[in-house]
């Protein structure tokens, strides 16, 4: 289980670092637009990500 957790963390960091590395201008624009979103919009996006992630994990198990 520990190896899987570290592999998941590594994959997360790779995916998170890809856009700033490849297109820093786009990343900056997306990030600045996110700062203008309301708390409710950000929470909804977070909820959608959680549901998709949990469903994917459940389906892979």
N, C-alpha and C. Protein backbone atom coordinates (compact mmCIF):
# COMPACT_ATOMS: atom_id res chain seq x y z
N UNK A 1 0.82 -1.19 0.00
CA UNK A 1 0.00 0.00 0.00
C UNK A 1 0.87 1.26 0.00
N UNK A 2 1.96 1.24 0.71
CA UNK A 2 2.83 2.41 0.79
C UNK A 2 3.41 2.77 -0.57
N UNK A 3 3.81 1.76 -1.33
CA UNK A 3 4.35 2.01 -2.67
C UNK A 3 3.30 2.63 -3.59
N UNK A 4 2.07 2.17 -3.47
CA UNK A 4 0.99 2.72 -4.28
C UNK A 4 0.72 4.17 -3.92
N UNK A 5 0.76 4.48 -2.65
CA UNK A 5 0.54 5.85 -2.21
C UNK A 5 1.63 6.78 -2.75
N UNK A 6 2.87 6.36 -2.67
CA UNK A 6 3.98 7.17 -3.20
C UNK A 6 3.89 7.31 -4.71
N UNK A 7 3.47 6.25 -5.40
CA UNK A 7 3.30 6.33 -6.85
C UNK A 7 2.18 7.30 -7.21
N UNK A 8 1.10 7.28 -6.45
CA UNK A 8 -0.01 8.22 -6.69
C UNK A 8 0.44 9.66 -6.45
N UNK A 9 1.20 9.88 -5.39
CA UNK A 9 1.71 11.22 -5.10
C UNK A 9 2.64 11.70 -6.22
N UNK A 10 3.50 10.81 -6.69
CA UNK A 10 4.41 11.17 -7.78
C UNK A 10 3.63 11.52 -9.05
N UNK A 11 2.62 10.74 -9.38
CA UNK A 11 1.80 11.01 -10.55
C UNK A 11 1.07 12.34 -10.41
N UNK A 12 0.57 12.60 -9.22
CA UNK A 12 -0.11 13.88 -8.96
C UNK A 12 0.84 15.05 -9.20
N UNK A 13 2.06 14.96 -8.69
CA UNK A 13 3.03 16.04 -8.87
C UNK A 13 3.42 16.22 -10.34
N UNK A 14 3.53 15.11 -11.06
CA UNK A 14 3.83 15.20 -12.49
C UNK A 14 2.71 15.93 -13.23
N UNK A 15 1.47 15.55 -12.95
CA UNK A 15 0.34 16.19 -13.62
C UNK A 15 0.20 17.65 -13.22
N UNK A 16 0.42 17.97 -11.95
CA UNK A 16 0.33 19.35 -11.49
C UNK A 16 1.43 20.23 -12.07
N UNK A 17 2.58 19.67 -12.32
CA UNK A 17 3.70 20.45 -12.84
C UNK A 17 3.74 20.58 -14.35
N UNK A 18 2.94 19.79 -15.04
CA UNK A 18 3.00 19.76 -16.49
C UNK A 18 2.59 21.08 -17.13
N UNK A 19 1.43 21.61 -16.76
CA UNK A 19 0.95 22.85 -17.38
C UNK A 19 1.84 24.05 -17.09
N UNK A 20 2.26 24.29 -15.85
CA UNK A 20 3.17 25.42 -15.63
C UNK A 20 4.49 25.30 -16.40
N UNK A 21 4.95 24.09 -16.60
CA UNK A 21 6.20 23.88 -17.34
C UNK A 21 6.03 24.12 -18.83
N UNK A 22 4.94 23.59 -19.40
CA UNK A 22 4.73 23.66 -20.84
C UNK A 22 4.17 25.01 -21.28
N UNK A 23 3.23 25.56 -20.51
CA UNK A 23 2.57 26.81 -20.91
C UNK A 23 2.38 27.71 -19.70
N UNK A 24 3.44 28.37 -19.23
CA UNK A 24 3.32 29.19 -18.02
C UNK A 24 2.35 30.36 -18.17
N UNK A 25 2.25 30.94 -19.36
CA UNK A 25 1.30 32.03 -19.57
C UNK A 25 -0.14 31.58 -19.41
N UNK A 26 -0.46 30.44 -20.00
CA UNK A 26 -1.80 29.87 -19.88
C UNK A 26 -2.10 29.52 -18.43
N UNK A 27 -1.13 28.92 -17.75
CA UNK A 27 -1.31 28.55 -16.35
C UNK A 27 -1.59 29.79 -15.50
N UNK A 28 -0.87 30.86 -15.74
CA UNK A 28 -1.06 32.10 -15.00
C UNK A 28 -2.46 32.66 -15.26
N UNK A 29 -2.91 32.62 -16.51
CA UNK A 29 -4.23 33.12 -16.86
C UNK A 29 -5.33 32.29 -16.20
N UNK A 30 -5.19 30.97 -16.25
CA UNK A 30 -6.18 30.08 -15.63
C UNK A 30 -6.21 30.33 -14.12
N UNK A 31 -5.05 30.46 -13.51
CA UNK A 31 -4.99 30.67 -12.07
C UNK A 31 -5.62 32.01 -11.69
N UNK A 32 -5.37 33.06 -12.48
CA UNK A 32 -5.95 34.37 -12.16
C UNK A 32 -7.47 34.35 -12.33
N UNK A 33 -7.97 33.59 -13.31
CA UNK A 33 -9.42 33.46 -13.47
C UNK A 33 -10.03 32.69 -12.32
N UNK A 34 -9.32 31.70 -11.80
CA UNK A 34 -9.82 30.96 -10.65
C UNK A 34 -9.92 31.85 -9.41
N UNK A 35 -9.00 32.80 -9.28
CA UNK A 35 -9.05 33.71 -8.13
C UNK A 35 -10.29 34.58 -8.15
N UNK A 36 -10.87 34.78 -9.31
CA UNK A 36 -12.07 35.61 -9.43
C UNK A 36 -13.36 34.82 -9.24
N UNK A 37 -13.26 33.51 -9.11
CA UNK A 37 -14.44 32.67 -8.90
C UNK A 37 -14.92 32.82 -7.46
N UNK A 38 -16.22 32.62 -7.26
CA UNK A 38 -16.78 32.67 -5.91
C UNK A 38 -16.42 31.38 -5.16
N UNK A 39 -16.55 31.43 -3.85
CA UNK A 39 -16.26 30.24 -3.04
C UNK A 39 -17.16 29.08 -3.43
N UNK A 40 -18.42 29.37 -3.73
CA UNK A 40 -19.35 28.31 -4.13
C UNK A 40 -18.94 27.63 -5.41
N UNK A 41 -18.45 28.40 -6.38
CA UNK A 41 -18.00 27.82 -7.65
C UNK A 41 -16.77 26.93 -7.42
N UNK A 42 -15.85 27.39 -6.59
CA UNK A 42 -14.65 26.60 -6.30
C UNK A 42 -15.01 25.33 -5.55
N UNK A 43 -15.93 25.44 -4.59
CA UNK A 43 -16.37 24.25 -3.85
C UNK A 43 -17.05 23.25 -4.78
N UNK A 44 -17.88 23.74 -5.71
CA UNK A 44 -18.55 22.84 -6.65
C UNK A 44 -17.53 22.12 -7.52
N UNK A 45 -16.53 22.85 -8.02
CA UNK A 45 -15.47 22.23 -8.82
C UNK A 45 -14.73 21.17 -7.99
N UNK A 46 -14.44 21.50 -6.73
CA UNK A 46 -13.78 20.54 -5.84
C UNK A 46 -14.63 19.30 -5.62
N UNK A 47 -15.93 19.51 -5.43
CA UNK A 47 -16.84 18.38 -5.22
C UNK A 47 -16.89 17.48 -6.46
N UNK A 48 -16.96 18.09 -7.62
CA UNK A 48 -16.98 17.31 -8.87
C UNK A 48 -15.69 16.49 -8.99
N UNK A 49 -14.54 17.10 -8.69
CA UNK A 49 -13.27 16.37 -8.75
C UNK A 49 -13.25 15.22 -7.75
N UNK A 50 -13.74 15.47 -6.54
CA UNK A 50 -13.79 14.41 -5.53
C UNK A 50 -14.67 13.24 -5.97
N UNK A 51 -15.83 13.54 -6.51
CA UNK A 51 -16.75 12.49 -6.95
C UNK A 51 -16.15 11.69 -8.10
N UNK A 52 -15.56 12.38 -9.07
CA UNK A 52 -14.94 11.68 -10.20
C UNK A 52 -13.77 10.83 -9.72
N UNK A 53 -12.94 11.38 -8.85
CA UNK A 53 -11.80 10.63 -8.33
C UNK A 53 -12.22 9.41 -7.52
N UNK A 54 -13.19 9.60 -6.63
CA UNK A 54 -13.66 8.49 -5.79
C UNK A 54 -14.33 7.41 -6.65
N UNK A 55 -15.10 7.82 -7.64
CA UNK A 55 -15.76 6.86 -8.53
C UNK A 55 -14.73 6.08 -9.35
N UNK A 56 -13.74 6.79 -9.84
CA UNK A 56 -12.67 6.12 -10.61
C UNK A 56 -11.93 5.11 -9.75
N UNK A 57 -11.62 5.51 -8.52
CA UNK A 57 -10.90 4.63 -7.61
C UNK A 57 -11.75 3.39 -7.31
N UNK A 58 -13.05 3.61 -7.07
CA UNK A 58 -13.95 2.51 -6.76
C UNK A 58 -14.05 1.55 -7.94
N UNK A 59 -14.12 2.09 -9.15
CA UNK A 59 -14.23 1.26 -10.34
C UNK A 59 -12.95 0.46 -10.61
N UNK A 60 -11.78 1.01 -10.24
CA UNK A 60 -10.51 0.32 -10.47
C UNK A 60 -10.25 -0.78 -9.44
N UNK A 61 -10.92 -0.69 -8.30
CA UNK A 61 -10.67 -1.65 -7.22
C UNK A 61 -11.30 -2.97 -7.44
